[in-house]
C-alpha atoms as a PDB file:
ATOM      1  CA  MET A   1      14.365  -0.231   8.433  1.00  0.00           C
ATOM      2  CA  ASP A   2      16.280   2.244  10.542  1.00  0.00           C
ATOM      3  CA  ALA A   3      17.150   5.774   9.437  1.00  0.00           C
ATOM      4  CA  THR A   4      20.685   4.808   8.402  1.00  0.00           C
ATOM      5  CA  GLU A   5      19.412   2.162   5.994  1.00  0.00           C
ATOM      6  CA  VAL A   6      16.790   4.546   4.567  1.00  0.00           C
ATOM      7  CA  ASP A   7      19.567   7.044   3.845  1.00  0.00           C
ATOM      8  CA  LYS A   8      21.741   4.333   2.267  1.00  0.00           C
ATOM      9  CA  LEU A   9      18.854   3.261   0.053  1.00  0.00           C
ATOM     10  CA  ALA A  10      18.173   6.816  -1.109  1.00  0.00           C
ATOM     11  CA  ALA A  11      21.848   7.344  -1.953  1.00  0.00           C
ATOM     12  CA  ALA A  12      22.359   4.065  -3.825  1.00  0.00           C
ATOM     13  CA  GLU A  13      19.194   3.106  -5.669  1.00  0.00           C
ATOM     14  CA  ASP A  14      19.713   5.292  -8.740  1.00  0.00           C
ATOM     15  CA  GLY A  15      23.264   4.084  -9.392  1.00  0.00           C
ATOM     16  CA  MET A  16      23.877   0.686  -7.799  1.00  0.00           C
ATOM     17  CA  TRP A  17      23.991  -2.318 -10.144  1.00  0.00           C
ATOM     18  CA  TRP A  18      21.642  -4.277  -7.886  1.00  0.00           C
ATOM     19  CA  PHE A  19      18.794  -1.795  -8.274  1.00  0.00           C
ATOM     20  CA  HIS A  20      19.292  -1.542 -12.039  1.00  0.00           C
ATOM     21  CA  GLY A  21      18.865  -5.319 -12.235  1.00  0.00           C
ATOM     22  CA  LEU A  22      15.982  -5.493  -9.772  1.00  0.00           C
ATOM     23  CA  HIS A  23      13.981  -2.682 -11.330  1.00  0.00           C
ATOM     24  CA  GLY A  24      14.605  -3.926 -14.867  1.00  0.00           C
ATOM     25  CA  ASN A  25      13.423  -7.423 -13.983  1.00  0.00           C
ATOM     26  CA  LEU A  26      10.290  -6.169 -12.240  1.00  0.00           C
ATOM     27  CA  ALA A  27       9.470  -3.892 -15.178  1.00  0.00           C
ATOM     28  CA  ALA A  28       9.949  -6.702 -17.700  1.00  0.00           C
ATOM     29  CA  MET A  29       7.706  -9.015 -15.693  1.00  0.00           C
ATOM     30  CA  LEU A  30       5.069  -6.298 -15.379  1.00  0.00           C
ATOM     31  CA  ALA A  31       5.214  -5.661 -19.133  1.00  0.00           C
ATOM     32  CA  ARG A  32       4.554  -9.343 -19.834  1.00  0.00           C
ATOM     33  CA  ALA A  33       1.211  -8.972 -18.058  1.00  0.00           C
ATOM     34  CA  GLY A  34       0.067  -6.390 -20.617  1.00  0.00           C
ATOM     35  CA  ALA A  35      -1.186  -2.847 -20.140  1.00  0.00           C
ATOM     36  CA  PRO A  36      -2.626  -2.421 -16.620  1.00  0.00           C
ATOM     37  CA  SER A  37      -6.363  -1.751 -16.443  1.00  0.00           C
ATOM     38  CA  GLY A  38      -5.956   0.731 -13.589  1.00  0.00           C
ATOM     39  CA  PRO A  39      -3.405   2.369 -11.308  1.00  0.00           C
ATOM     40  CA  VAL A  40      -0.205   0.470 -10.504  1.00  0.00           C
ATOM     41  CA  LEU A  41       0.769   0.363  -6.824  1.00  0.00           C
ATOM     42  CA  ASP A  42       4.359   0.094  -5.647  1.00  0.00           C
ATOM     43  CA  ALA A  43       3.600  -1.641  -2.342  1.00  0.00           C
ATOM     44  CA  GLY A  44       6.499  -0.742  -0.067  1.00  0.00           C
ATOM     45  CA  CYS A  45       8.034   1.896  -2.310  1.00  0.00           C
ATOM     46  CA  GLY A  46      10.936   2.841  -0.029  1.00  0.00           C
ATOM     47  CA  THR A  47      12.567   6.025  -1.269  1.00  0.00           C
ATOM     48  CA  GLY A  48      10.974   5.834  -4.714  1.00  0.00           C
ATOM     49  CA  GLY A  49      13.661   4.537  -7.060  1.00  0.00           C
ATOM     50  CA  LEU A  50      11.420   1.912  -8.648  1.00  0.00           C
ATOM     51  CA  LEU A  51       8.581   4.407  -9.069  1.00  0.00           C
ATOM     52  CA  ARG A  52      10.859   6.853 -10.853  1.00  0.00           C
ATOM     53  CA  ARG A  53      12.068   4.211 -13.270  1.00  0.00           C
ATOM     54  CA  LEU A  54       8.667   2.647 -13.927  1.00  0.00           C
ATOM     55  CA  SER A  55       7.114   6.073 -14.557  1.00  0.00           C
ATOM     56  CA  ALA A  56       9.784   6.781 -17.173  1.00  0.00           C
ATOM     57  CA  TRP A  57       9.548   3.357 -18.797  1.00  0.00           C
ATOM     58  CA  MET A  58       5.711   3.181 -18.773  1.00  0.00           C
ATOM     59  CA  PRO A  59       4.583   6.793 -19.331  1.00  0.00           C
ATOM     60  CA  ASP A  60       0.986   5.821 -20.132  1.00  0.00           C
ATOM     61  CA  ALA A  61       0.436   4.085 -16.785  1.00  0.00           C
ATOM     62  CA  ALA A  62      -0.623   5.758 -13.529  1.00  0.00           C
ATOM     63  CA  PHE A  63       1.494   4.893 -10.489  1.00  0.00           C
ATOM     64  CA  VAL A  64       1.048   5.340  -6.757  1.00  0.00           C
ATOM     65  CA  GLY A  65       3.531   4.590  -3.995  1.00  0.00           C
ATOM     66  CA  LEU A  66       2.879   3.300  -0.485  1.00  0.00           C
ATOM     67  CA  ASP A  67       5.252   2.810   2.435  1.00  0.00           C
ATOM     68  CA  ARG A  68       4.875   2.530   6.207  1.00  0.00           C
ATOM     69  CA  ASP A  69       8.005   4.624   6.900  1.00  0.00           C
ATOM     70  CA  PRO A  70       7.334   8.399   7.030  1.00  0.00           C
ATOM     71  CA  ARG A  71      10.966   9.198   6.136  1.00  0.00           C
ATOM     72  CA  ALA A  72      10.809   6.975   3.071  1.00  0.00           C
ATOM     73  CA  CYS A  73       7.509   8.522   1.963  1.00  0.00           C
ATOM     74  CA  ALA A  74       8.919  12.023   2.384  1.00  0.00           C
ATOM     75  CA  GLU A  75      11.993  11.141   0.329  1.00  0.00           C
ATOM     76  CA  THR A  76       9.837   9.613  -2.406  1.00  0.00           C
ATOM     77  CA  ALA A  77       7.632  12.718  -2.512  1.00  0.00           C
ATOM     78  CA  ARG A  78      10.723  14.922  -2.735  1.00  0.00           C
ATOM     79  CA  ARG A  79      12.112  13.054  -5.750  1.00  0.00           C
ATOM     80  CA  TRP A  80       8.955  11.927  -7.566  1.00  0.00           C
ATOM     81  CA  ALA A  81       5.904  13.947  -8.596  1.00  0.00           C
ATOM     82  CA  GLY A  82       3.275  11.215  -8.249  1.00  0.00           C
ATOM     83  CA  PRO A  83       1.050  10.321  -5.280  1.00  0.00           C
ATOM     84  CA  VAL A  84       2.604   8.682  -2.208  1.00  0.00           C
ATOM     85  CA  VAL A  85       0.552   7.199   0.640  1.00  0.00           C
ATOM     86  CA  LEU A  86       1.696   6.437   4.178  1.00  0.00           C
ATOM     87  CA  GLY A  87       0.306   3.016   5.043  1.00  0.00           C
ATOM     88  CA  SER A  88       0.846  -0.701   5.528  1.00  0.00           C
ATOM     89  CA  VAL A  89       0.760  -3.521   2.992  1.00  0.00           C
ATOM     90  CA  ASP A  90      -1.163  -5.471   5.666  1.00  0.00           C
ATOM     91  CA  ARG A  91      -4.112  -3.051   5.393  1.00  0.00           C
ATOM     92  CA  LEU A  92      -4.014  -1.305   2.045  1.00  0.00           C
ATOM     93  CA  PRO A  93      -5.957   1.985   2.001  1.00  0.00           C
ATOM     94  CA  PHE A  94      -7.502   1.280  -1.409  1.00  0.00           C
ATOM     95  CA  ALA A  95     -10.948   0.142  -2.474  1.00  0.00           C
ATOM     96  CA  THR A  96     -11.593  -3.452  -3.433  1.00  0.00           C
ATOM     97  CA  GLY A  97     -10.821  -4.051  -7.108  1.00  0.00           C
ATOM     98  CA  SER A  98      -9.365  -0.580  -7.634  1.00  0.00           C
ATOM     99  CA  LEU A  99      -5.809  -1.411  -8.774  1.00  0.00           C
ATOM    100  CA  GLY A 100      -4.670  -2.597 -12.185  1.00  0.00           C
ATOM    101  CA  ALA A 101      -1.387  -4.092 -10.966  1.00  0.00           C
ATOM    102  CA  ILE A 102       0.823  -4.247  -7.887  1.00  0.00           C
ATOM    103  CA  VAL A 103       4.600  -4.394  -7.806  1.00  0.00           C
ATOM    104  CA  SER A 104       6.536  -5.058  -4.612  1.00  0.00           C
ATOM    105  CA  ALA A 105      10.302  -5.243  -4.125  1.00  0.00           C
ATOM    106  CA  ASP A 106      11.590  -7.129  -1.068  1.00  0.00           C
ATOM    107  CA  VAL A 107       8.671  -6.222   1.211  1.00  0.00           C
ATOM    108  CA  LEU A 108       6.785  -9.435   2.014  1.00  0.00           C
ATOM    109  CA  CYS A 109       9.933 -10.664   3.782  1.00  0.00           C
ATOM    110  CA  HIS A 110      10.029  -7.863   6.385  1.00  0.00           C
ATOM    111  CA  ALA A 111       9.645  -8.618  10.083  1.00  0.00           C
ATOM    112  CA  GLY A 112       6.791  -6.124  10.459  1.00  0.00           C
ATOM    113  CA  VAL A 113       4.754  -7.587   7.589  1.00  0.00           C
ATOM    114  CA  ASP A 114       2.099 -10.261   8.049  1.00  0.00           C
ATOM    115  CA  GLU A 115       2.628 -12.400   4.948  1.00  0.00           C
ATOM    116  CA  ALA A 116      -0.898 -13.815   4.775  1.00  0.00           C
ATOM    117  CA  ALA A 117      -2.508 -10.426   5.401  1.00  0.00           C
ATOM    118  CA  ALA A 118      -0.366  -8.667   2.794  1.00  0.00           C
ATOM    119  CA  LEU A 119      -1.126 -11.283   0.139  1.00  0.00           C
ATOM    120  CA  ALA A 120      -4.842 -11.177   0.952  1.00  0.00           C
ATOM    121  CA  GLU A 121      -4.853  -7.386   0.692  1.00  0.00           C
ATOM    122  CA  ALA A 122      -3.079  -7.447  -2.657  1.00  0.00           C
ATOM    123  CA  HIS A 123      -5.661  -9.923  -3.936  1.00  0.00           C
ATOM    124  CA  ARG A 124      -8.539  -7.799  -2.609  1.00  0.00           C
ATOM    125  CA  CYS A 125      -7.365  -4.560  -4.162  1.00  0.00           C
ATOM    126  CA  LEU A 126      -6.493  -5.915  -7.603  1.00  0.00           C
ATOM    127  CA  ARG A 127      -9.007  -5.959 -10.396  1.00  0.00           C
ATOM    128  CA  PRO A 128      -9.712  -9.396 -11.901  1.00  0.00           C
ATOM    129  CA  GLY A 129      -6.905 -10.171 -14.337  1.00  0.00           C
ATOM    130  CA  GLY A 130      -4.520  -7.838 -12.502  1.00  0.00           C
ATOM    131  CA  ALA A 131      -0.892  -8.803 -11.981  1.00  0.00           C
ATOM    132  CA  TYR A 132       0.976  -8.989  -8.683  1.00  0.00           C
ATOM    133  CA  VAL A 133       4.717  -8.821  -9.413  1.00  0.00           C
ATOM    134  CA  LEU A 134       7.145  -9.233  -6.547  1.00  0.00           C
ATOM    135  CA  ASN A 135      10.777  -9.866  -5.717  1.00  0.00           C
ATOM    136  CA  LEU A 136      12.032 -11.506  -2.525  1.00  0.00           C
ATOM    137  CA  PRO A 137      15.354 -12.669  -1.081  1.00  0.00           C
ATOM    138  CA  ALA A 138      16.087 -16.336  -1.752  1.00  0.00           C
ATOM    139  CA  TYR A 139      16.937 -19.289   0.511  1.00  0.00           C
ATOM    140  CA  ARG A 140      16.500 -19.437   4.273  1.00  0.00           C
ATOM    141  CA  TRP A 141      20.079 -20.643   4.716  1.00  0.00           C
ATOM    142  CA  MET A 142      21.311 -17.350   3.214  1.00  0.00           C
ATOM    143  CA  PHE A 143      20.003 -15.322   6.170  1.00  0.00           C
ATOM    144  CA  SER A 144      22.789 -12.967   7.279  1.00  0.00           C
ATOM    145  CA  ASP A 145      23.712  -9.613   8.821  1.00  0.00           C
ATOM    146  CA  HIS A 146      22.329  -7.953   5.695  1.00  0.00           C
ATOM    147  CA  ASP A 147      18.854  -9.320   6.478  1.00  0.00           C
ATOM    148  CA  ARG A 148      19.019  -8.142  10.076  1.00  0.00           C
ATOM    149  CA  ALA A 149      20.061  -4.656   8.936  1.00  0.00           C
ATOM    150  CA  VAL A 150      17.147  -4.266   6.520  1.00  0.00           C
ATOM    151  CA  ASP A 151      14.638  -5.902   8.911  1.00  0.00           C
ATOM    152  CA  ASN A 152      14.090  -9.096   6.925  1.00  0.00           C
ATOM    153  CA  ALA A 153      12.521 -12.017   8.778  1.00  0.00           C
ATOM    154  CA  ARG A 154      12.016 -14.410   5.867  1.00  0.00           C
ATOM    155  CA  ARG A 155      13.769 -15.630   2.749  1.00  0.00           C
ATOM    156  CA  TYR A 156      12.015 -17.716   0.104  1.00  0.00           C
ATOM    157  CA  GLY A 157      12.476 -20.651  -2.221  1.00  0.00           C
ATOM    158  CA  ARG A 158      10.732 -20.783  -5.558  1.00  0.00           C
ATOM    159  CA  ALA A 159       8.259 -23.430  -4.379  1.00  0.00           C
ATOM    160  CA  ASP A 160       7.577 -21.489  -1.146  1.00  0.00           C
ATOM    161  CA  LEU A 161       6.600 -18.374  -3.048  1.00  0.00           C
ATOM    162  CA  ALA A 162       4.472 -20.181  -5.630  1.00  0.00           C
ATOM    163  CA  ALA A 163       2.574 -21.924  -2.825  1.00  0.00           C
ATOM    164  CA  ALA A 164       2.032 -18.672  -0.901  1.00  0.00           C
ATOM    165  CA  LEU A 165       0.610 -16.986  -4.006  1.00  0.00           C
ATOM    166  CA  ALA A 166      -1.693 -19.925  -4.694  1.00  0.00           C
ATOM    167  CA  ARG A 167      -2.977 -19.952  -1.092  1.00  0.00           C
ATOM    168  CA  ALA A 168      -3.909 -16.289  -1.455  1.00  0.00           C
ATOM    169  CA  GLY A 169      -5.945 -16.999  -4.587  1.00  0.00           C
ATOM    170  CA  PHE A 170      -3.429 -16.002  -7.252  1.00  0.00           C
ATOM    171  CA  ALA A 171      -2.542 -18.060 -10.289  1.00  0.00           C
ATOM    172  CA  PRO A 172       1.288 -18.094 -10.104  1.00  0.00           C
ATOM    173  CA  VAL A 173       2.134 -17.772 -13.786  1.00  0.00           C
ATOM    174  CA  ARG A 174       5.879 -17.390 -13.371  1.00  0.00           C
ATOM    175  CA  VAL A 175       8.406 -17.853 -10.569  1.00  0.00           C
ATOM    176  CA  THR A 176      12.156 -17.757 -11.202  1.00  0.00           C
ATOM    177  CA  TYR A 177      15.416 -17.043  -9.460  1.00  0.00           C
ATOM    178  CA  TRP A 178      17.824 -14.334 -10.606  1.00  0.00           C
ATOM    179  CA  ASN A 179      21.189 -12.840  -9.577  1.00  0.00           C
ATOM    180  CA  THR A 180      22.578 -16.229 -10.556  1.00  0.00           C
ATOM    181  CA  LEU A 181      25.971 -15.318 -12.005  1.00  0.00           C
ATOM    182  CA  LEU A 182      26.985 -13.396  -8.895  1.00  0.00           C
ATOM    183  CA  PHE A 183      25.380 -15.797  -6.432  1.00  0.00           C
ATOM    184  CA  PRO A 184      28.598 -17.684  -5.522  1.00  0.00           C
ATOM    185  CA  LEU A 185      30.257 -14.375  -4.634  1.00  0.00           C
ATOM    186  CA  MET A 186      27.198 -13.263  -2.692  1.00  0.00           C
ATOM    187  CA  ALA A 187      27.055 -16.521  -0.732  1.00  0.00           C
ATOM    188  CA  ALA A 188      30.763 -16.374   0.092  1.00  0.00           C
ATOM    189  CA  ARG A 189      30.520 -12.742   1.175  1.00  0.00           C
ATOM    190  CA  ARG A 190      27.569 -13.331   3.489  1.00  0.00           C
ATOM    191  CA  LYS A 191      28.322 -16.793   4.879  1.00  0.00           C
ATOM    192  CA  LEU A 192      32.115 -17.217   4.777  1.00  0.00           C
ATOM    193  CA  TRP A 193      33.328 -13.623   5.268  1.00  0.00           C
ATOM    194  CA  PRO A 194      30.389 -11.800   6.850  1.00  0.00           C
ATOM    195  CA  GLY A 195      32.448  -8.970   8.332  1.00  0.00           C
ATOM    196  CA  GLY A 196      30.870  -9.128  11.786  1.00  0.00           C
ATOM    197  CA  THR A 197      28.813  -5.922  11.519  1.00  0.00           C
ATOM    198  CA  ALA A 198      25.029  -5.709  11.308  1.00  0.00           C
ATOM    199  CA  ALA A 199      25.037  -3.580   8.155  1.00  0.00           C
ATOM    200  CA  SER A 200      23.407  -4.137   4.785  1.00  0.00           C
ATOM    201  CA  ASP A 201      25.193  -4.626   1.477  1.00  0.00           C
ATOM    202  CA  VAL A 202      23.489  -1.536   0.037  1.00  0.00           C
ATOM    203  CA  GLY A 203      26.013   0.925  -1.357  1.00  0.00           C
ATOM    204  CA  LEU A 204      27.875   1.876  -4.506  1.00  0.00           C
ATOM    205  CA  ALA A 205      30.971  -0.115  -5.457  1.00  0.00           C
ATOM    206  CA  PRO A 206      33.910   1.360  -7.406  1.00  0.00           C
ATOM    207  CA  ALA A 207      32.826   2.304 -10.939  1.00  0.00           C
ATOM    208  CA  PRO A 208      34.555  -0.636 -12.723  1.00  0.00           C
ATOM    209  CA  VAL A 209      32.862  -3.097 -10.360  1.00  0.00           C
ATOM    210  CA  GLU A 210      29.483  -1.421 -10.856  1.00  0.00           C
ATOM    211  CA  ARG A 211      29.872  -1.715 -14.639  1.00  0.00           C
ATOM    212  CA  LEU A 212      30.904  -5.370 -14.451  1.00  0.00           C
ATOM    213  CA  PHE A 213      28.101  -6.392 -12.106  1.00  0.00           C
ATOM    214  CA  ALA A 214      25.515  -4.364 -14.056  1.00  0.00           C
ATOM    215  CA  GLY A 215      26.626  -6.134 -17.225  1.00  0.00           C
ATOM    216  CA  LEU A 216      26.200  -9.554 -15.629  1.00  0.00           C
ATOM    217  CA  VAL A 217      22.704  -8.892 -14.305  1.00  0.00           C
ATOM    218  CA  GLY A 218      21.894  -7.330 -17.688  1.00  0.00           C
ATOM    219  CA  LEU A 219      22.715 -10.659 -19.345  1.00  0.00           C
ATOM    220  CA  GLU A 220      20.361 -12.380 -16.939  1.00  0.00           C
ATOM    221  CA  ARG A 221      17.626  -9.829 -17.630  1.00  0.00           C
ATOM    222  CA  ARG A 222      17.794 -10.543 -21.365  1.00  0.00           C
ATOM    223  CA  TRP A 223      17.640 -14.280 -20.647  1.00  0.00           C
ATOM    224  CA  LEU A 224      14.569 -13.858 -18.449  1.00  0.00           C
ATOM    225  CA  ALA A 225      12.906 -11.440 -20.879  1.00  0.00           C
ATOM    226  CA  ALA A 226      12.967 -14.219 -23.482  1.00  0.00           C
ATOM    227  CA  GLY A 227      10.703 -16.291 -21.228  1.00  0.00           C
ATOM    228  CA  ARG A 228      13.408 -18.504 -19.764  1.00  0.00           C
ATOM    229  CA  SER A 229      14.066 -19.165 -16.087  1.00  0.00           C
ATOM    230  CA  LEU A 230      17.176 -19.427 -13.922  1.00  0.00           C
ATOM    231  CA  PRO A 231      17.697 -22.433 -11.610  1.00  0.00           C
ATOM    232  CA  PHE A 232      19.118 -20.607  -8.570  1.00  0.00           C
ATOM    233  CA  GLY A 233      20.113 -17.130  -7.435  1.00  0.00           C
ATOM    234  CA  GLY A 234      20.127 -14.598  -4.653  1.00  0.00           C
ATOM    235  CA  SER A 235      16.544 -13.466  -5.296  1.00  0.00           C
ATOM    236  CA  VAL A 236      13.281 -14.997  -6.426  1.00  0.00           C
ATOM    237  CA  LEU A 237      11.016 -13.102  -8.826  1.00  0.00           C
ATOM    238  CA  ALA A 238       7.354 -13.959  -9.307  1.00  0.00           C
ATOM    239  CA  MET A 239       4.136 -12.895 -10.976  1.00  0.00           C
ATOM    240  CA  GLY A 240       0.697 -13.990  -9.860  1.00  0.00           C
ATOM    241  CA  ILE A 241      -2.545 -13.105 -11.624  1.00  0.00           C
ATOM    242  CA  LYS A 242      -5.876 -12.545  -9.900  1.00  0.00           C
ATOM    243  CA  PRO A 243      -8.220 -14.819 -11.864  1.00  0.00           C
ATOM    244  CA  LEU A 244     -11.013 -13.248 -13.862  1.00  0.00           C
ATOM    245  CA  LEU A 245     -13.454 -15.371 -11.863  1.00  0.00           C
ATOM    246  CA  SER A 246     -11.779 -15.542  -8.482  1.00  0.00           C
ATOM    247  CA  ALA A 247     -12.742 -17.327  -5.303  1.00  0.00           C
ATOM    248  CA  PRO A 248     -13.215 -15.138  -2.221  1.00  0.00           C
ATOM    249  CA  THR A 249      -9.954 -13.895  -0.750  1.00  0.00           C
ATOM    250  CA  PRO A 250      -8.918 -16.098   2.208  1.00  0.00           C
ATOM    251  CA  SER A 251      -9.880 -14.441   5.477  1.00  0.00           C
ATOM    252  CA  ILE A 252      -7.204 -13.043   7.767  1.00  0.00           C
ATOM    253  CA  ALA A 253      -7.262 -12.546  11.505  1.00  0.00           C
ATOM    254  CA  GLN A 254      -7.463  -8.763  11.604  1.00  0.00           C
ATOM    255  CA  GLY A 255      -9.772  -8.417   8.624  1.00  0.00           C
ATOM    256  CA  SER A 256      -9.476  -6.115   5.627  1.00  0.00           C
ATOM    257  CA  PRO A 257     -11.104  -2.801   4.858  1.00  0.00           C
ATOM    258  CA  ALA A 258     -13.912  -3.019   2.316  1.00  0.00           C
END
């Protein structure tokens, strides 16, 4: 992500309806996995908005952030008191079996991320029984200027993501879409009236719009929190569990640190 998008993220993530919905859904999914048995990694923490919210919502858990962008790490460290590590999700700088859970928001889709390597590293670093909770943009046909601006190379269907988790050795216990109620508007905005500029959709809307959209994704969050799923949407949300007796992590070309 370029410097402009990092700045936009830092300015919007505490107030924008999208991040309220995203962070709430990730937190609810993480809570369903039970209390983590070790530190929780935000893999690709950006400018730290998710870490700040999770730390407030789960005060008994220990969190650590990781991002490959020095500007993002510096911004996270400025706004959050916990540990932040500069590094790649493709080669996590953590010992095998050292993490209780991993959460990751729209990272596996990035052009600079090796999907197989990142999944293998998450599996390696988690303790048996640990949860890997992630959100990703949905549907290949929805690729747009927004994706180019935030350096996305991939978008996912529910079956795609479940299969990727299973290949990496995870038991995919839940995969669902969300951002369903606003999806028709999102699709029209990105595919019918794209605007012609390679800029992301990140940014605060007028206050009445923020309240309306936050209310709609809040309805979806309550639906999902009850254990239900949504049949389509702009994002796909998943949780995979590292089995208590797991097979060896599939090998990857560049290897993984022990």
